[in-house]
């Protein structure tokens, strides 16, 4: 199970039309039932490149920490 706000690596080229390729990284910003996750991919300046729902098998969690700006 991938944790909400975890950094994830995309394992598929299914989102190529959205500007995302396998190997790109982003964050799981929402967790849905049945192993689905809303993922946001952004540029280093914070501008969103793509936001989409992916299956758990299409993602690899990179770490368990939340982005600094979202920590309380």
PDB file of N, CA and C in Angstrom:
ATOM      1  N   UNK A   1       0.844  -1.186   0.000  1.00  0.00           N
ATOM      2  CA  UNK A   1       0.000   0.000   0.000  1.00  0.00           C
ATOM      3  C   UNK A   1       0.885   1.244   0.000  1.00  0.00           C
ATOM      4  N   UNK A   2       0.554   2.183  -0.835  1.00  0.00           N
ATOM      5  CA  UNK A   2       1.286   3.439  -0.935  1.00  0.00           C
ATOM      6  C   UNK A   2       0.625   4.453  -0.010  1.00  0.00           C
ATOM      7  N   UNK A   3       1.431   5.179   0.729  1.00  0.00           N
ATOM      8  CA  UNK A   3       0.919   6.160   1.675  1.00  0.00           C
ATOM      9  C   UNK A   3       0.563   7.466   0.965  1.00  0.00           C
ATOM     10  N   UNK A   4      -0.452   8.155   1.484  1.00  0.00           N
ATOM     11  CA  UNK A   4      -0.819   9.457   0.944  1.00  0.00           C
ATOM     12  C   UNK A   4       0.362  10.412   1.105  1.00  0.00           C
ATOM     13  N   UNK A   5       0.637  11.189   0.104  1.00  0.00           N
ATOM     14  CA  UNK A   5       1.726  12.167   0.009  1.00  0.00           C
ATOM     15  C   UNK A   5       3.104  11.539  -0.161  1.00  0.00           C
ATOM     16  N   UNK A   6       3.148  10.234  -0.404  1.00  0.00           N
ATOM     17  CA  UNK A   6       4.433   9.572  -0.638  1.00  0.00           C
ATOM     18  C   UNK A   6       4.940   9.936  -2.024  1.00  0.00           C
ATOM     19  N   UNK A   7       6.257  10.052  -2.138  1.00  0.00           N
ATOM     20  CA  UNK A   7       6.878  10.263  -3.443  1.00  0.00           C
ATOM     21  C   UNK A   7       6.841   8.938  -4.190  1.00  0.00           C
ATOM     22  N   UNK A   8       6.413   8.970  -5.443  1.00  0.00           N
ATOM     23  CA  UNK A   8       6.295   7.743  -6.231  1.00  0.00           C
ATOM     24  C   UNK A   8       6.990   7.894  -7.577  1.00  0.00           C
ATOM     25  N   UNK A   9       7.464   6.784  -8.090  1.00  0.00           N
ATOM     26  CA  UNK A   9       8.055   6.710  -9.430  1.00  0.00           C
ATOM     27  C   UNK A   9       7.038   6.021 -10.338  1.00  0.00           C
ATOM     28  N   UNK A  10       6.847   6.566 -11.526  1.00  0.00           N
ATOM     29  CA  UNK A  10       5.912   5.996 -12.494  1.00  0.00           C
ATOM     30  C   UNK A  10       6.613   4.841 -13.208  1.00  0.00           C
ATOM     31  N   UNK A  11       5.950   3.689 -13.293  1.00  0.00           N
ATOM     32  CA  UNK A  11       6.539   2.478 -13.873  1.00  0.00           C
ATOM     33  C   UNK A  11       6.020   2.157 -15.271  1.00  0.00           C
ATOM     34  N   UNK A  12       5.174   3.001 -15.821  1.00  0.00           N
ATOM     35  CA  UNK A  12       4.531   2.715 -17.098  1.00  0.00           C
ATOM     36  C   UNK A  12       4.564   3.942 -17.999  1.00  0.00           C
ATOM     37  N   UNK A  13       4.418   3.722 -19.280  1.00  0.00           N
ATOM     38  CA  UNK A  13       4.294   4.828 -20.225  1.00  0.00           C
ATOM     39  C   UNK A  13       2.835   5.118 -20.576  1.00  0.00           C
ATOM     40  N   UNK A  14       1.902   4.570 -19.811  1.00  0.00           N
ATOM     41  CA  UNK A  14       0.474   4.761 -20.088  1.00  0.00           C
ATOM     42  C   UNK A  14       0.056   6.231 -20.048  1.00  0.00           C
ATOM     43  N   UNK A  15       0.786   7.055 -19.330  1.00  0.00           N
ATOM     44  CA  UNK A  15       0.426   8.461 -19.172  1.00  0.00           C
ATOM     45  C   UNK A  15       1.264   9.375 -20.069  1.00  0.00           C
ATOM     46  N   UNK A  16       1.864   8.786 -21.100  1.00  0.00           N
ATOM     47  CA  UNK A  16       2.714   9.532 -22.026  1.00  0.00           C
ATOM     48  C   UNK A  16       1.962  10.701 -22.684  1.00  0.00           C
ATOM     49  N   UNK A  17       0.714  10.504 -23.011  1.00  0.00           N
ATOM     50  CA  UNK A  17      -0.082  11.567 -23.625  1.00  0.00           C
ATOM     51  C   UNK A  17      -0.265  12.761 -22.688  1.00  0.00           C
ATOM     52  N   UNK A  18      -0.107  12.531 -21.383  1.00  0.00           N
ATOM     53  CA  UNK A  18      -0.204  13.604 -20.392  1.00  0.00           C
ATOM     54  C   UNK A  18       1.149  14.255 -20.123  1.00  0.00           C
ATOM     55  N   UNK A  19       2.184  13.814 -20.836  1.00  0.00           N
ATOM     56  CA  UNK A  19       3.517  14.370 -20.633  1.00  0.00           C
ATOM     57  C   UNK A  19       4.334  13.650 -19.582  1.00  0.00           C
ATOM     58  N   UNK A  20       3.916  12.438 -19.221  1.00  0.00           N
ATOM     59  CA  UNK A  20       4.584  11.666 -18.167  1.00  0.00           C
ATOM     60  C   UNK A  20       5.125  10.376 -18.762  1.00  0.00           C
ATOM     61  N   UNK A  21       6.365  10.061 -18.433  1.00  0.00           N
ATOM     62  CA  UNK A  21       6.994   8.824 -18.915  1.00  0.00           C
ATOM     63  C   UNK A  21       7.414   7.952 -17.746  1.00  0.00           C
ATOM     64  N   UNK A  22       7.632   6.692 -18.025  1.00  0.00           N
ATOM     65  CA  UNK A  22       8.148   5.780 -17.006  1.00  0.00           C
ATOM     66  C   UNK A  22       9.443   6.362 -16.464  1.00  0.00           C
ATOM     67  N   UNK A  23       9.589   6.345 -15.142  1.00  0.00           N
ATOM     68  CA  UNK A  23      10.768   6.889 -14.492  1.00  0.00           C
ATOM     69  C   UNK A  23      10.545   8.263 -13.889  1.00  0.00           C
ATOM     70  N   UNK A  24       9.515   8.985 -14.350  1.00  0.00           N
ATOM     71  CA  UNK A  24       9.200  10.283 -13.766  1.00  0.00           C
ATOM     72  C   UNK A  24       8.721  10.089 -12.329  1.00  0.00           C
ATOM     73  N   UNK A  25       8.882  11.115 -11.502  1.00  0.00           N
ATOM     74  CA  UNK A  25       8.441  11.023 -10.115  1.00  0.00           C
ATOM     75  C   UNK A  25       7.417  12.103  -9.811  1.00  0.00           C
ATOM     76  N   UNK A  26       6.576  11.797  -8.837  1.00  0.00           N
ATOM     77  CA  UNK A  26       5.551  12.730  -8.391  1.00  0.00           C
ATOM     78  C   UNK A  26       5.103  12.315  -6.998  1.00  0.00           C
ATOM     79  N   UNK A  27       3.902  12.724  -6.624  1.00  0.00           N
ATOM     80  CA  UNK A  27       3.376  12.413  -5.295  1.00  0.00           C
ATOM     81  C   UNK A  27       1.979  11.817  -5.391  1.00  0.00           C
ATOM     82  N   UNK A  28       1.712  10.828  -4.545  1.00  0.00           N
ATOM     83  CA  UNK A  28       0.375  10.240  -4.415  1.00  0.00           C
ATOM     84  C   UNK A  28      -0.422  11.188  -3.523  1.00  0.00           C
ATOM     85  N   UNK A  29      -1.254  12.023  -4.127  1.00  0.00           N
ATOM     86  CA  UNK A  29      -1.945  13.050  -3.353  1.00  0.00           C
ATOM     87  C   UNK A  29      -3.282  12.579  -2.791  1.00  0.00           C
ATOM     88  N   UNK A  30      -3.767  11.445  -3.276  1.00  0.00           N
ATOM     89  CA  UNK A  30      -5.020  10.881  -2.761  1.00  0.00           C
ATOM     90  C   UNK A  30      -4.983   9.376  -2.932  1.00  0.00           C
ATOM     91  N   UNK A  31      -5.534   8.671  -1.956  1.00  0.00           N
ATOM     92  CA  UNK A  31      -5.602   7.202  -2.004  1.00  0.00           C
ATOM     93  C   UNK A  31      -7.070   6.807  -2.144  1.00  0.00           C
ATOM     94  N   UNK A  32      -7.348   5.947  -3.106  1.00  0.00           N
ATOM     95  CA  UNK A  32      -8.702   5.488  -3.370  1.00  0.00           C
ATOM     96  C   UNK A  32      -8.800   3.987  -3.121  1.00  0.00           C
ATOM     97  N   UNK A  33     -10.021   3.462  -3.011  1.00  0.00           N
ATOM     98  CA  UNK A  33     -10.192   2.016  -2.822  1.00  0.00           C
ATOM     99  C   UNK A  33      -9.612   1.215  -3.989  1.00  0.00           C
ATOM    100  N   UNK A  34      -9.357  -0.035  -3.721  1.00  0.00           N
ATOM    101  CA  UNK A  34      -8.904  -1.008  -4.717  1.00  0.00           C
ATOM    102  C   UNK A  34      -7.543  -0.658  -5.320  1.00  0.00           C
ATOM    103  N   UNK A  35      -6.665  -0.034  -4.517  1.00  0.00           N
ATOM    104  CA  UNK A  35      -5.304   0.211  -4.966  1.00  0.00           C
ATOM    105  C   UNK A  35      -5.142   1.240  -6.061  1.00  0.00           C
ATOM    106  N   UNK A  36      -5.954   2.272  -6.013  1.00  0.00           N
ATOM    107  CA  UNK A  36      -5.850   3.354  -7.006  1.00  0.00           C
ATOM    108  C   UNK A  36      -5.398   4.619  -6.294  1.00  0.00           C
ATOM    109  N   UNK A  37      -4.590   5.419  -6.993  1.00  0.00           N
ATOM    110  CA  UNK A  37      -3.998   6.603  -6.397  1.00  0.00           C
ATOM    111  C   UNK A  37      -4.042   7.772  -7.360  1.00  0.00           C
ATOM    112  N   UNK A  38      -4.407   8.935  -6.845  1.00  0.00           N
ATOM    113  CA  UNK A  38      -4.311  10.146  -7.646  1.00  0.00           C
ATOM    114  C   UNK A  38      -2.884  10.662  -7.502  1.00  0.00           C
ATOM    115  N   UNK A  39      -2.232  10.846  -8.618  1.00  0.00           N
ATOM    116  CA  UNK A  39      -0.821  11.223  -8.640  1.00  0.00           C
ATOM    117  C   UNK A  39      -0.676  12.585  -9.306  1.00  0.00           C
ATOM    118  N   UNK A  40       0.171  13.403  -8.721  1.00  0.00           N
ATOM    119  CA  UNK A  40       0.485  14.695  -9.322  1.00  0.00           C
ATOM    120  C   UNK A  40       1.970  14.725  -9.665  1.00  0.00           C
ATOM    121  N   UNK A  41       2.257  15.108 -10.904  1.00  0.00           N
ATOM    122  CA  UNK A  41       3.626  15.281 -11.387  1.00  0.00           C
ATOM    123  C   UNK A  41       3.815  16.776 -11.612  1.00  0.00           C
ATOM    124  N   UNK A  42       4.875  17.348 -11.039  1.00  0.00           N
ATOM    125  CA  UNK A  42       5.115  18.778 -11.158  1.00  0.00           C
ATOM    126  C   UNK A  42       6.530  19.073 -11.601  1.00  0.00           C
ATOM    127  N   UNK A  43       6.716  20.247 -12.178  1.00  0.00           N
ATOM    128  CA  UNK A  43       8.054  20.743 -12.489  1.00  0.00           C
ATOM    129  C   UNK A  43       8.716  21.180 -11.188  1.00  0.00           C
ATOM    130  N   UNK A  44      10.015  21.423 -11.230  1.00  0.00           N
ATOM    131  CA  UNK A  44      10.742  21.833 -10.021  1.00  0.00           C
ATOM    132  C   UNK A  44      10.247  23.169  -9.469  1.00  0.00           C
ATOM    133  N   UNK A  45       9.610  23.994 -10.314  1.00  0.00           N
ATOM    134  CA  UNK A  45       9.086  25.275  -9.837  1.00  0.00           C
ATOM    135  C   UNK A  45       7.666  25.154  -9.279  1.00  0.00           C
ATOM    136  N   UNK A  46       7.138  23.930  -9.215  1.00  0.00           N
ATOM    137  CA  UNK A  46       5.820  23.683  -8.632  1.00  0.00           C
ATOM    138  C   UNK A  46       4.667  23.677  -9.609  1.00  0.00           C
ATOM    139  N   UNK A  47       4.914  23.991 -10.868  1.00  0.00           N
ATOM    140  CA  UNK A  47       3.846  23.978 -11.875  1.00  0.00           C
ATOM    141  C   UNK A  47       3.481  22.531 -12.202  1.00  0.00           C
ATOM    142  N   UNK A  48       2.194  22.220 -12.131  1.00  0.00           N
ATOM    143  CA  UNK A  48       1.728  20.863 -12.394  1.00  0.00           C
ATOM    144  C   UNK A  48       1.866  20.509 -13.867  1.00  0.00           C
ATOM    145  N   UNK A  49       2.473  19.360 -14.121  1.00  0.00           N
ATOM    146  CA  UNK A  49       2.584  18.818 -15.475  1.00  0.00           C
ATOM    147  C   UNK A  49       1.361  17.965 -15.779  1.00  0.00           C
ATOM    148  N   UNK A  50       1.018  17.086 -14.818  1.00  0.00           N
ATOM    149  CA  UNK A  50      -0.116  16.175 -15.015  1.00  0.00           C
ATOM    150  C   UNK A  50      -0.651  15.724 -13.663  1.00  0.00           C
ATOM    151  N   UNK A  51      -1.931  15.379 -13.676  1.00  0.00           N
ATOM    152  CA  UNK A  51      -2.586  14.799 -12.508  1.00  0.00           C
ATOM    153  C   UNK A  51      -3.501  13.710 -13.041  1.00  0.00           C
ATOM    154  N   UNK A  52      -3.372  12.505 -12.481  1.00  0.00           N
ATOM    155  CA  UNK A  52      -4.106  11.362 -13.013  1.00  0.00           C
ATOM    156  C   UNK A  52      -4.267  10.301 -11.938  1.00  0.00           C
ATOM    157  N   UNK A  53      -5.145   9.335 -12.207  1.00  0.00           N
ATOM    158  CA  UNK A  53      -5.340   8.204 -11.301  1.00  0.00           C
ATOM    159  C   UNK A  53      -4.599   7.005 -11.876  1.00  0.00           C
ATOM    160  N   UNK A  54      -3.778   6.384 -11.032  1.00  0.00           N
ATOM    161  CA  UNK A  54      -2.970   5.235 -11.447  1.00  0.00           C
ATOM    162  C   UNK A  54      -3.240   4.049 -10.534  1.00  0.00           C
ATOM    163  N   UNK A  55      -3.010   2.874 -11.077  1.00  0.00           N
ATOM    164  CA  UNK A  55      -3.104   1.635 -10.297  1.00  0.00           C
ATOM    165  C   UNK A  55      -1.815   1.461  -9.494  1.00  0.00           C
ATOM    166  N   UNK A  56      -1.907   0.786  -8.371  1.00  0.00           N
ATOM    167  CA  UNK A  56      -0.732   0.568  -7.522  1.00  0.00           C
ATOM    168  C   UNK A  56       0.411  -0.111  -8.283  1.00  0.00           C
ATOM    169  N   UNK A  57       0.093  -1.025  -9.181  1.00  0.00           N
ATOM    170  CA  UNK A  57       1.114  -1.739  -9.951  1.00  0.00           C
ATOM    171  C   UNK A  57       1.871  -0.818 -10.913  1.00  0.00           C
ATOM    172  N   UNK A  58       1.334   0.372 -11.173  1.00  0.00           N
ATOM    173  CA  UNK A  58       1.980   1.323 -12.072  1.00  0.00           C
ATOM    174  C   UNK A  58       2.909   2.289 -11.339  1.00  0.00           C
ATOM    175  N   UNK A  59       2.993   2.126 -10.007  1.00  0.00           N
ATOM    176  CA  UNK A  59       3.749   3.045  -9.170  1.00  0.00           C
ATOM    177  C   UNK A  59       4.718   2.311  -8.267  1.00  0.00           C
ATOM    178  N   UNK A  60       5.779   3.000  -7.897  1.00  0.00           N
ATOM    179  CA  UNK A  60       6.720   2.486  -6.898  1.00  0.00           C
ATOM    180  C   UNK A  60       6.924   3.598  -5.884  1.00  0.00           C
ATOM    181  N   UNK A  61       6.644   3.307  -4.613  1.00  0.00           N
ATOM    182  CA  UNK A  61       6.836   4.320  -3.574  1.00  0.00           C
ATOM    183  C   UNK A  61       8.322   4.518  -3.341  1.00  0.00           C
ATOM    184  N   UNK A  62       8.781   5.771  -3.408  1.00  0.00           N
ATOM    185  CA  UNK A  62      10.200   6.070  -3.246  1.00  0.00           C
ATOM    186  C   UNK A  62      10.601   6.306  -1.802  1.00  0.00           C
ATOM    187  N   UNK A  63       9.734   6.912  -1.001  1.00  0.00           N
ATOM    188  CA  UNK A  63      10.029   7.104   0.415  1.00  0.00           C
ATOM    189  C   UNK A  63       8.729   7.283   1.171  1.00  0.00           C
ATOM    190  N   UNK A  64       8.843   7.321   2.475  1.00  0.00           N
ATOM    191  CA  UNK A  64       7.645   7.383   3.317  1.00  0.00           C
ATOM    192  C   UNK A  64       7.412   8.771   3.882  1.00  0.00           C
ATOM    193  N   UNK A  65       8.185   9.748   3.446  1.00  0.00           N
ATOM    194  CA  UNK A  65       8.066  11.093   3.990  1.00  0.00           C
ATOM    195  C   UNK A  65       7.155  11.943   3.133  1.00  0.00           C
ATOM    196  N   UNK A  66       6.427  12.862   3.783  1.00  0.00           N
ATOM    197  CA  UNK A  66       5.587  13.794   3.064  1.00  0.00           C
ATOM    198  C   UNK A  66       6.423  14.981   2.615  1.00  0.00           C
ATOM    199  N   UNK A  67       6.032  15.658   1.559  1.00  0.00           N
ATOM    200  CA  UNK A  67       6.761  16.857   1.152  1.00  0.00           C
ATOM    201  C   UNK A  67       6.805  17.857   2.279  1.00  0.00           C
ATOM    202  N   UNK A  68       7.903  18.564   2.408  1.00  0.00           N
ATOM    203  CA  UNK A  68       8.120  19.491   3.504  1.00  0.00           C
ATOM    204  C   UNK A  68       6.967  20.478   3.671  1.00  0.00           C
ATOM    205  N   UNK A  69       6.438  21.018   2.566  1.00  0.00           N
ATOM    206  CA  UNK A  69       5.378  22.020   2.657  1.00  0.00           C
ATOM    207  C   UNK A  69       4.093  21.463   3.246  1.00  0.00           C
ATOM    208  N   UNK A  70       3.888  20.137   3.215  1.00  0.00           N
ATOM    209  CA  UNK A  70       2.651  19.532   3.709  1.00  0.00           C
ATOM    210  C   UNK A  70       2.766  19.011   5.139  1.00  0.00           C
ATOM    211  N   UNK A  71       3.938  19.062   5.716  1.00  0.00           N
ATOM    212  CA  UNK A  71       4.108  18.574   7.088  1.00  0.00           C
ATOM    213  C   UNK A  71       3.501  19.563   8.072  1.00  0.00           C
ATOM    214  N   UNK A  72       2.968  19.008   9.139  1.00  0.00           N
ATOM    215  CA  UNK A  72       2.361  19.866  10.178  1.00  0.00           C
ATOM    216  C   UNK A  72       3.189  19.820  11.433  1.00  0.00           C
TER     217      UNK A  72
END
